[in-house]
Amino acid sequence: MTASNVTTRYFTSYSGVRLPLKLVGELASEDMRNRNTFYRGGFDADGRLVRCEKVVYGEIEVCHEYRYHADGRLAQALIHDANGEEECLDYPA
């Protein structure tokens, strides 16, 4: 999450089964020192989750990247797993 227009925040988990994931249990930056597992979320200027990484012992285990239609609805979810497998889900307008 290196884009300058993306805000990074940290969470303990997520809720629900629909995409995009709903990250819950926000953590302060100073709480990250002793965490082995956490979710790192990248949010755009509109507050939408555009990237979500599950980090376990410093390694990204799963990564979701989200793109949105102009009306704010989810357009595409690109999911990368720890084995390098990639799945792309499209949500038509």
PDB file of N, CA and C in Angstrom:
ATOM      1  N   MET A   1       0.828  -1.171   0.000  1.00  0.00           N
ATOM      2  CA  MET A   1       0.000   0.000   0.000  1.00  0.00           C
ATOM      3  C   MET A   1       0.872   1.234   0.000  1.00  0.00           C
ATOM      4  N   THR A   2       1.411   1.540  -1.126  1.00  0.00           N
ATOM      5  CA  THR A   2       2.349   2.642  -1.217  1.00  0.00           C
ATOM      6  C   THR A   2       1.765   3.866  -1.888  1.00  0.00           C
ATOM      7  N   ALA A   3       0.567   3.767  -2.452  1.00  0.00           N
ATOM      8  CA  ALA A   3      -0.020   4.915  -3.128  1.00  0.00           C
ATOM      9  C   ALA A   3      -0.267   6.031  -2.124  1.00  0.00           C
ATOM     10  N   SER A   4       0.062   7.254  -2.519  1.00  0.00           N
ATOM     11  CA  SER A   4      -0.040   8.379  -1.598  1.00  0.00           C
ATOM     12  C   SER A   4      -1.486   8.741  -1.283  1.00  0.00           C
ATOM     13  N   ASN A   5      -2.425   8.336  -2.117  1.00  0.00           N
ATOM     14  CA  ASN A   5      -3.821   8.670  -1.874  1.00  0.00           C
ATOM     15  C   ASN A   5      -4.562   7.560  -1.127  1.00  0.00           C
ATOM     16  N   VAL A   6      -3.843   6.610  -0.564  1.00  0.00           N
ATOM     17  CA  VAL A   6      -4.432   5.507   0.198  1.00  0.00           C
ATOM     18  C   VAL A   6      -3.998   5.639   1.656  1.00  0.00           C
ATOM     19  N   THR A   7      -4.980   5.549   2.555  1.00  0.00           N
ATOM     20  CA  THR A   7      -4.717   5.603   3.988  1.00  0.00           C
ATOM     21  C   THR A   7      -4.676   4.182   4.523  1.00  0.00           C
ATOM     22  N   THR A   8      -3.622   3.840   5.257  1.00  0.00           N
ATOM     23  CA  THR A   8      -3.466   2.500   5.812  1.00  0.00           C
ATOM     24  C   THR A   8      -3.927   2.480   7.260  1.00  0.00           C
ATOM     25  N   ARG A   9      -4.759   1.469   7.575  1.00  0.00           N
ATOM     26  CA  ARG A   9      -5.223   1.262   8.943  1.00  0.00           C
ATOM     27  C   ARG A   9      -5.101  -0.223   9.256  1.00  0.00           C
ATOM     28  N   TYR A  10      -5.087  -0.564  10.552  1.00  0.00           N
ATOM     29  CA  TYR A  10      -4.857  -1.938  10.999  1.00  0.00           C
ATOM     30  C   TYR A  10      -6.046  -2.437  11.813  1.00  0.00           C
ATOM     31  N   PHE A  11      -6.340  -3.743  11.679  1.00  0.00           N
ATOM     32  CA  PHE A  11      -7.514  -4.333  12.300  1.00  0.00           C
ATOM     33  C   PHE A  11      -7.196  -5.731  12.825  1.00  0.00           C
ATOM     34  N   THR A  12      -8.033  -6.190  13.764  1.00  0.00           N
ATOM     35  CA  THR A  12      -7.848  -7.528  14.316  1.00  0.00           C
ATOM     36  C   THR A  12      -8.511  -8.600  13.473  1.00  0.00           C
ATOM     37  N   SER A  13      -9.602  -8.264  12.758  1.00  0.00           N
ATOM     38  CA  SER A  13     -10.356  -9.288  12.044  1.00  0.00           C
ATOM     39  C   SER A  13     -11.284  -8.644  11.020  1.00  0.00           C
ATOM     40  N   TYR A  14     -12.213  -9.451  10.498  1.00  0.00           N
ATOM     41  CA  TYR A  14     -13.243  -8.956   9.599  1.00  0.00           C
ATOM     42  C   TYR A  14     -14.554  -9.646   9.966  1.00  0.00           C
ATOM     43  N   SER A  15     -15.662  -9.101   9.474  1.00  0.00           N
ATOM     44  CA  SER A  15     -16.960  -9.723   9.728  1.00  0.00           C
ATOM     45  C   SER A  15     -17.702  -9.892   8.412  1.00  0.00           C
ATOM     46  N   GLY A  16     -18.626 -10.845   8.397  1.00  0.00           N
ATOM     47  CA  GLY A  16     -19.433 -11.095   7.205  1.00  0.00           C
ATOM     48  C   GLY A  16     -18.743 -11.980   6.197  1.00  0.00           C
ATOM     49  N   VAL A  17     -19.483 -12.288   5.139  1.00  0.00           N
ATOM     50  CA  VAL A  17     -18.953 -13.156   4.094  1.00  0.00           C
ATOM     51  C   VAL A  17     -18.978 -12.479   2.721  1.00  0.00           C
ATOM     52  N   ARG A  18     -19.626 -11.325   2.630  1.00  0.00           N
ATOM     53  CA  ARG A  18     -19.707 -10.620   1.359  1.00  0.00           C
ATOM     54  C   ARG A  18     -18.458  -9.771   1.133  1.00  0.00           C
ATOM     55  N   LEU A  19     -18.192  -9.498  -0.114  1.00  0.00           N
ATOM     56  CA  LEU A  19     -17.086  -8.618  -0.473  1.00  0.00           C
ATOM     57  C   LEU A  19     -17.622  -7.235  -0.770  1.00  0.00           C
ATOM     58  N   PRO A  20     -16.878  -6.191  -0.495  1.00  0.00           N
ATOM     59  CA  PRO A  20     -15.572  -6.203   0.154  1.00  0.00           C
ATOM     60  C   PRO A  20     -15.692  -6.589   1.621  1.00  0.00           C
ATOM     61  N   LEU A  21     -14.611  -7.118   2.168  1.00  0.00           N
ATOM     62  CA  LEU A  21     -14.601  -7.497   3.580  1.00  0.00           C
ATOM     63  C   LEU A  21     -14.863  -6.275   4.452  1.00  0.00           C
ATOM     64  N   LYS A  22     -15.491  -6.489   5.583  1.00  0.00           N
ATOM     65  CA  LYS A  22     -15.732  -5.441   6.577  1.00  0.00           C
ATOM     66  C   LYS A  22     -14.723  -5.639   7.701  1.00  0.00           C
ATOM     67  N   LEU A  23     -13.705  -4.810   7.746  1.00  0.00           N
ATOM     68  CA  LEU A  23     -12.665  -4.935   8.768  1.00  0.00           C
ATOM     69  C   LEU A  23     -13.175  -4.402  10.099  1.00  0.00           C
ATOM     70  N   VAL A  24     -12.861  -5.117  11.187  1.00  0.00           N
ATOM     71  CA  VAL A  24     -13.342  -4.753  12.524  1.00  0.00           C
ATOM     72  C   VAL A  24     -12.190  -4.793  13.517  1.00  0.00           C
ATOM     73  N   GLY A  25     -12.401  -4.160  14.655  1.00  0.00           N
ATOM     74  CA  GLY A  25     -11.394  -4.165  15.718  1.00  0.00           C
ATOM     75  C   GLY A  25     -10.176  -3.348  15.348  1.00  0.00           C
ATOM     76  N   GLU A  26     -10.400  -2.076  15.032  1.00  0.00           N
ATOM     77  CA  GLU A  26      -9.273  -1.246  14.593  1.00  0.00           C
ATOM     78  C   GLU A  26      -8.212  -1.140  15.683  1.00  0.00           C
ATOM     79  N   LEU A  27      -6.962  -1.193  15.245  1.00  0.00           N
ATOM     80  CA  LEU A  27      -5.804  -1.123  16.131  1.00  0.00           C
ATOM     81  C   LEU A  27      -5.048   0.181  15.899  1.00  0.00           C
ATOM     82  N   ALA A  28      -4.521   0.740  16.965  1.00  0.00           N
ATOM     83  CA  ALA A  28      -3.661   1.918  16.851  1.00  0.00           C
ATOM     84  C   ALA A  28      -2.279   1.464  16.379  1.00  0.00           C
ATOM     85  N   SER A  29      -1.547   2.345  15.727  1.00  0.00           N
ATOM     86  CA  SER A  29      -0.210   2.005  15.226  1.00  0.00           C
ATOM     87  C   SER A  29       0.690   1.465  16.324  1.00  0.00           C
ATOM     88  N   GLU A  30       0.597   2.046  17.534  1.00  0.00           N
ATOM     89  CA  GLU A  30       1.463   1.590  18.629  1.00  0.00           C
ATOM     90  C   GLU A  30       1.090   0.188  19.119  1.00  0.00           C
ATOM     91  N   ASP A  31      -0.115  -0.292  18.796  1.00  0.00           N
ATOM     92  CA  ASP A  31      -0.528  -1.645  19.175  1.00  0.00           C
ATOM     93  C   ASP A  31       0.051  -2.722  18.255  1.00  0.00           C
ATOM     94  N   MET A  32       0.701  -2.320  17.194  1.00  0.00           N
ATOM     95  CA  MET A  32       1.171  -3.263  16.182  1.00  0.00           C
ATOM     96  C   MET A  32       2.478  -3.962  16.574  1.00  0.00           C
ATOM     97  N   ARG A  33       3.194  -3.454  17.554  1.00  0.00           N
ATOM     98  CA  ARG A  33       4.504  -4.010  17.906  1.00  0.00           C
ATOM     99  C   ARG A  33       4.454  -5.478  18.314  1.00  0.00           C
ATOM    100  N   ASN A  34       3.413  -5.882  19.003  1.00  0.00           N
ATOM    101  CA  ASN A  34       3.344  -7.246  19.532  1.00  0.00           C
ATOM    102  C   ASN A  34       2.293  -8.111  18.850  1.00  0.00           C
ATOM    103  N   ARG A  35       1.859  -7.746  17.666  1.00  0.00           N
ATOM    104  CA  ARG A  35       0.827  -8.504  16.960  1.00  0.00           C
ATOM    105  C   ARG A  35       1.485  -9.488  16.001  1.00  0.00           C
ATOM    106  N   ASN A  36       1.071 -10.755  16.050  1.00  0.00           N
ATOM    107  CA  ASN A  36       1.557 -11.764  15.099  1.00  0.00           C
ATOM    108  C   ASN A  36       0.663 -11.843  13.876  1.00  0.00           C
ATOM    109  N   THR A  37      -0.638 -11.584  14.075  1.00  0.00           N
ATOM    110  CA  THR A  37      -1.612 -11.661  12.991  1.00  0.00           C
ATOM    111  C   THR A  37      -2.484 -10.422  13.032  1.00  0.00           C
ATOM    112  N   PHE A  38      -2.700  -9.816  11.868  1.00  0.00           N
ATOM    113  CA  PHE A  38      -3.571  -8.647  11.777  1.00  0.00           C
ATOM    114  C   PHE A  38      -3.980  -8.442  10.323  1.00  0.00           C
ATOM    115  N   TYR A  39      -4.929  -7.575  10.116  1.00  0.00           N
ATOM    116  CA  TYR A  39      -5.375  -7.191   8.777  1.00  0.00           C
ATOM    117  C   TYR A  39      -4.947  -5.753   8.542  1.00  0.00           C
ATOM    118  N   ARG A  40      -4.354  -5.513   7.372  1.00  0.00           N
ATOM    119  CA  ARG A  40      -3.925  -4.167   6.990  1.00  0.00           C
ATOM    120  C   ARG A  40      -4.846  -3.717   5.860  1.00  0.00           C
ATOM    121  N   GLY A  41      -5.571  -2.634   6.088  1.00  0.00           N
ATOM    122  CA  GLY A  41      -6.509  -2.145   5.088  1.00  0.00           C
ATOM    123  C   GLY A  41      -6.053  -0.839   4.489  1.00  0.00           C
ATOM    124  N   GLY A  42      -6.182  -0.737   3.185  1.00  0.00           N
ATOM    125  CA  GLY A  42      -5.901   0.505   2.475  1.00  0.00           C
ATOM    126  C   GLY A  42      -7.216   1.107   2.030  1.00  0.00           C
ATOM    127  N   PHE A  43      -7.460   2.364   2.397  1.00  0.00           N
ATOM    128  CA  PHE A  43      -8.716   3.035   2.113  1.00  0.00           C
ATOM    129  C   PHE A  43      -8.476   4.241   1.212  1.00  0.00           C
ATOM    130  N   ASP A  44      -9.346   4.403   0.212  1.00  0.00           N
ATOM    131  CA  ASP A  44      -9.203   5.543  -0.700  1.00  0.00           C
ATOM    132  C   ASP A  44      -9.778   6.803  -0.059  1.00  0.00           C
ATOM    133  N   ALA A  45      -9.741   7.905  -0.796  1.00  0.00           N
ATOM    134  CA  ALA A  45     -10.201   9.195  -0.279  1.00  0.00           C
ATOM    135  C   ALA A  45     -11.680   9.186   0.077  1.00  0.00           C
ATOM    136  N   ASP A  46     -12.459   8.262  -0.512  1.00  0.00           N
ATOM    137  CA  ASP A  46     -13.882   8.146  -0.217  1.00  0.00           C
ATOM    138  C   ASP A  46     -14.154   7.176   0.929  1.00  0.00           C
ATOM    139  N   GLY A  47     -13.087   6.649   1.553  1.00  0.00           N
ATOM    140  CA  GLY A  47     -13.246   5.736   2.674  1.00  0.00           C
ATOM    141  C   GLY A  47     -13.543   4.303   2.277  1.00  0.00           C
ATOM    142  N   ARG A  48     -13.409   3.988   0.998  1.00  0.00           N
ATOM    143  CA  ARG A  48     -13.659   2.622   0.527  1.00  0.00           C
ATOM    144  C   ARG A  48     -12.400   1.773   0.669  1.00  0.00           C
ATOM    145  N   LEU A  49     -12.589   0.534   1.072  1.00  0.00           N
ATOM    146  CA  LEU A  49     -11.480  -0.408   1.174  1.00  0.00           C
ATOM    147  C   LEU A  49     -11.028  -0.775  -0.231  1.00  0.00           C
ATOM    148  N   VAL A  50      -9.770  -0.495  -0.570  1.00  0.00           N
ATOM    149  CA  VAL A  50      -9.254  -0.807  -1.900  1.00  0.00           C
ATOM    150  C   VAL A  50      -8.234  -1.938  -1.867  1.00  0.00           C
ATOM    151  N   ARG A  51      -7.680  -2.207  -0.677  1.00  0.00           N
ATOM    152  CA  ARG A  51      -6.724  -3.306  -0.530  1.00  0.00           C
ATOM    153  C   ARG A  51      -6.792  -3.813   0.908  1.00  0.00           C
ATOM    154  N   CYS A  52      -6.823  -5.130   1.042  1.00  0.00           N
ATOM    155  CA  CYS A  52      -6.887  -5.748   2.357  1.00  0.00           C
ATOM    156  C   CYS A  52      -5.884  -6.893   2.381  1.00  0.00           C
ATOM    157  N   GLU A  53      -4.987  -6.864   3.374  1.00  0.00           N
ATOM    158  CA  GLU A  53      -3.971  -7.906   3.502  1.00  0.00           C
ATOM    159  C   GLU A  53      -4.087  -8.566   4.867  1.00  0.00           C
ATOM    160  N   LYS A  54      -4.094  -9.893   4.877  1.00  0.00           N
ATOM    161  CA  LYS A  54      -3.989 -10.626   6.135  1.00  0.00           C
ATOM    162  C   LYS A  54      -2.510 -10.903   6.327  1.00  0.00           C
ATOM    163  N   VAL A  55      -1.947 -10.368   7.410  1.00  0.00           N
ATOM    164  CA  VAL A  55      -0.520 -10.501   7.682  1.00  0.00           C
ATOM    165  C   VAL A  55      -0.335 -11.456   8.857  1.00  0.00           C
ATOM    166  N   VAL A  56       0.459 -12.505   8.640  1.00  0.00           N
ATOM    167  CA  VAL A  56       0.745 -13.501   9.671  1.00  0.00           C
ATOM    168  C   VAL A  56       2.256 -13.616   9.809  1.00  0.00           C
ATOM    169  N   TYR A  57       2.765 -13.311  10.994  1.00  0.00           N
ATOM    170  CA  TYR A  57       4.210 -13.341  11.267  1.00  0.00           C
ATOM    171  C   TYR A  57       5.004 -12.596  10.199  1.00  0.00           C
ATOM    172  N   GLY A  58       4.512 -11.442   9.815  1.00  0.00           N
ATOM    173  CA  GLY A  58       5.224 -10.576   8.878  1.00  0.00           C
ATOM    174  C   GLY A  58       5.041 -10.901   7.413  1.00  0.00           C
ATOM    175  N   GLU A  59       4.347 -11.986   7.086  1.00  0.00           N
ATOM    176  CA  GLU A  59       4.132 -12.383   5.695  1.00  0.00           C
ATOM    177  C   GLU A  59       2.674 -12.157   5.305  1.00  0.00           C
ATOM    178  N   ILE A  60       2.435 -11.718   4.069  1.00  0.00           N
ATOM    179  CA  ILE A  60       1.070 -11.549   3.580  1.00  0.00           C
ATOM    180  C   ILE A  60       0.532 -12.921   3.201  1.00  0.00           C
ATOM    181  N   GLU A  61      -0.510 -13.358   3.917  1.00  0.00           N
ATOM    182  CA  GLU A  61      -1.107 -14.671   3.682  1.00  0.00           C
ATOM    183  C   GLU A  61      -2.184 -14.606   2.600  1.00  0.00           C
ATOM    184  N   VAL A  62      -2.991 -13.569   2.643  1.00  0.00           N
ATOM    185  CA  VAL A  62      -4.066 -13.365   1.669  1.00  0.00           C
ATOM    186  C   VAL A  62      -4.160 -11.877   1.387  1.00  0.00           C
ATOM    187  N   CYS A  63      -4.440 -11.528   0.141  1.00  0.00           N
ATOM    188  CA  CYS A  63      -4.580 -10.135  -0.241  1.00  0.00           C
ATOM    189  C   CYS A  63      -5.795  -9.981  -1.146  1.00  0.00           C
ATOM    190  N   HIS A  64      -6.635  -9.008  -0.841  1.00  0.00           N
ATOM    191  CA  HIS A  64      -7.768  -8.648  -1.686  1.00  0.00           C
ATOM    192  C   HIS A  64      -7.523  -7.251  -2.222  1.00  0.00           C
ATOM    193  N   GLU A  65      -7.791  -7.069  -3.513  1.00  0.00           N
ATOM    194  CA  GLU A  65      -7.751  -5.742  -4.111  1.00  0.00           C
ATOM    195  C   GLU A  65      -9.129  -5.484  -4.693  1.00  0.00           C
ATOM    196  N   TYR A  66      -9.685  -4.312  -4.401  1.00  0.00           N
ATOM    197  CA  TYR A  66     -11.043  -3.994  -4.830  1.00  0.00           C
ATOM    198  C   TYR A  66     -11.059  -2.780  -5.745  1.00  0.00           C
ATOM    199  N   ARG A  67     -11.922  -2.869  -6.762  1.00  0.00           N
ATOM    200  CA  ARG A  67     -12.184  -1.736  -7.654  1.00  0.00           C
ATOM    201  C   ARG A  67     -13.690  -1.502  -7.622  1.00  0.00           C
ATOM    202  N   TYR A  68     -14.080  -0.241  -7.801  1.00  0.00           N
ATOM    203  CA  TYR A  68     -15.479   0.140  -7.647  1.00  0.00           C
ATOM    204  C   TYR A  68     -16.020   0.823  -8.899  1.00  0.00           C
ATOM    205  N   HIS A  69     -17.327   0.657  -9.133  1.00  0.00           N
ATOM    206  CA  HIS A  69     -18.017   1.394 -10.187  1.00  0.00           C
ATOM    207  C   HIS A  69     -18.126   2.851  -9.751  1.00  0.00           C
ATOM    208  N   ALA A  70     -18.444   3.730 -10.684  1.00  0.00           N
ATOM    209  CA  ALA A  70     -18.577   5.161 -10.390  1.00  0.00           C
ATOM    210  C   ALA A  70     -19.625   5.436  -9.319  1.00  0.00           C
ATOM    211  N   ASP A  71     -20.632   4.565  -9.221  1.00  0.00           N
ATOM    212  CA  ASP A  71     -21.687   4.772  -8.216  1.00  0.00           C
ATOM    213  C   ASP A  71     -21.316   4.217  -6.836  1.00  0.00           C
ATOM    214  N   GLY A  72     -20.084   3.676  -6.696  1.00  0.00           N
ATOM    215  CA  GLY A  72     -19.600   3.186  -5.407  1.00  0.00           C
ATOM    216  C   GLY A  72     -19.795   1.699  -5.171  1.00  0.00           C
ATOM    217  N   ARG A  73     -20.527   1.016  -6.056  1.00  0.00           N
ATOM    218  CA  ARG A  73     -20.706  -0.430  -5.894  1.00  0.00           C
ATOM    219  C   ARG A  73     -19.437  -1.167  -6.323  1.00  0.00           C
ATOM    220  N   LEU A  74     -19.213  -2.338  -5.736  1.00  0.00           N
ATOM    221  CA  LEU A  74     -18.037  -3.146  -6.058  1.00  0.00           C
ATOM    222  C   LEU A  74     -18.064  -3.568  -7.522  1.00  0.00           C
ATOM    223  N   ALA A  75     -16.975  -3.343  -8.224  1.00  0.00           N
ATOM    224  CA  ALA A  75     -16.862  -3.718  -9.634  1.00  0.00           C
ATOM    225  C   ALA A  75     -16.016  -4.977  -9.810  1.00  0.00           C
ATOM    226  N   GLN A  76     -14.955  -5.101  -8.995  1.00  0.00           N
ATOM    227  CA  GLN A  76     -14.045  -6.245  -9.163  1.00  0.00           C
ATOM    228  C   GLN A  76     -13.308  -6.515  -7.856  1.00  0.00           C
ATOM    229  N   ALA A  77     -13.125  -7.799  -7.585  1.00  0.00           N
ATOM    230  CA  ALA A  77     -12.311  -8.230  -6.446  1.00  0.00           C
ATOM    231  C   ALA A  77     -11.239  -9.159  -6.989  1.00  0.00           C
ATOM    232  N   LEU A  78      -9.999  -8.838  -6.715  1.00  0.00           N
ATOM    233  CA  LEU A  78      -8.860  -9.661  -7.114  1.00  0.00           C
ATOM    234  C   LEU A  78      -8.273 -10.234  -5.833  1.00  0.00           C
ATOM    235  N   ILE A  79      -8.279 -11.560  -5.730  1.00  0.00           N
ATOM    236  CA  ILE A  79      -7.871 -12.230  -4.495  1.00  0.00           C
ATOM    237  C   ILE A  79      -6.612 -13.050  -4.758  1.00  0.00           C
ATOM    238  N   HIS A  80      -5.578 -12.807  -3.963  1.00  0.00           N
ATOM    239  CA  HIS A  80      -4.304 -13.532  -4.049  1.00  0.00           C
ATOM    240  C   HIS A  80      -4.149 -14.339  -2.769  1.00  0.00           C
ATOM    241  N   ASP A  81      -3.825 -15.642  -2.888  1.00  0.00           N
ATOM    242  CA  ASP A  81      -3.614 -16.426  -1.665  1.00  0.00           C
ATOM    243  C   ASP A  81      -2.129 -16.686  -1.447  1.00  0.00           C
ATOM    244  N   ALA A  82      -1.812 -17.342  -0.354  1.00  0.00           N
ATOM    245  CA  ALA A  82      -0.413 -17.577   0.034  1.00  0.00           C
ATOM    246  C   ALA A  82       0.331 -18.456  -0.961  1.00  0.00           C
ATOM    247  N   ASN A  83      -0.387 -19.255  -1.745  1.00  0.00           N
ATOM    248  CA  ASN A  83       0.246 -20.150  -2.720  1.00  0.00           C
ATOM    249  C   ASN A  83       0.476 -19.490  -4.069  1.00  0.00           C
ATOM    250  N   GLY A  84       0.157 -18.204  -4.164  1.00  0.00           N
ATOM    251  CA  GLY A  84       0.340 -17.505  -5.428  1.00  0.00           C
ATOM    252  C   GLY A  84      -0.839 -17.651  -6.373  1.00  0.00           C
ATOM    253  N   GLU A  85      -1.888 -18.333  -5.915  1.00  0.00           N
ATOM    254  CA  GLU A  85      -3.095 -18.472  -6.734  1.00  0.00           C
ATOM    255  C   GLU A  85      -3.834 -17.142  -6.745  1.00  0.00           C
ATOM    256  N   GLU A  86      -4.453 -16.822  -7.869  1.00  0.00           N
ATOM    257  CA  GLU A  86      -5.169 -15.572  -8.025  1.00  0.00           C
ATOM    258  C   GLU A  86      -6.562 -15.853  -8.557  1.00  0.00           C
ATOM    259  N   GLU A  87      -7.556 -15.174  -7.994  1.00  0.00           N
ATOM    260  CA  GLU A  87      -8.935 -15.307  -8.447  1.00  0.00           C
ATOM    261  C   GLU A  87      -9.490 -13.915  -8.671  1.00  0.00           C
ATOM    262  N   CYS A  88     -10.167 -13.724  -9.796  1.00  0.00           N
ATOM    263  CA  CYS A  88     -10.751 -12.431 -10.119  1.00  0.00           C
ATOM    264  C   CYS A  88     -12.275 -12.590 -10.197  1.00  0.00           C
ATOM    265  N   LEU A  89     -12.977 -11.790  -9.403  1.00  0.00           N
ATOM    266  CA  LEU A  89     -14.432 -11.801  -9.400  1.00  0.00           C
ATOM    267  C   LEU A  89     -14.917 -10.471  -9.934  1.00  0.00           C
ATOM    268  N   ASP A  90     -15.758 -10.519 -10.983  1.00  0.00           N
ATOM    269  CA  ASP A  90     -16.302  -9.292 -11.589  1.00  0.00           C
ATOM    270  C   ASP A  90     -17.744  -9.117 -11.176  1.00  0.00           C
ATOM    271  N   TYR A  91     -18.118  -7.866 -10.913  1.00  0.00           N
ATOM    272  CA  TYR A  91     -19.473  -7.501 -10.528  1.00  0.00           C
ATOM    273  C   TYR A  91     -19.953  -6.461 -11.535  1.00  0.00           C
ATOM    274  N   PRO A  92     -20.767  -6.901 -12.524  1.00  0.00           N
ATOM    275  CA  PRO A  92     -21.211  -5.985 -13.580  1.00  0.00           C
ATOM    276  C   PRO A  92     -21.976  -4.777 -13.043  1.00  0.00           C
ATOM    277  N   ALA A  93     -21.939  -3.715 -13.824  1.00  0.00           N
ATOM    278  CA  ALA A  93     -22.640  -2.474 -13.438  1.00  0.00           C
ATOM    279  C   ALA A  93     -24.134  -2.690 -13.403  1.00  0.00           C
TER     280      ALA A  93
END
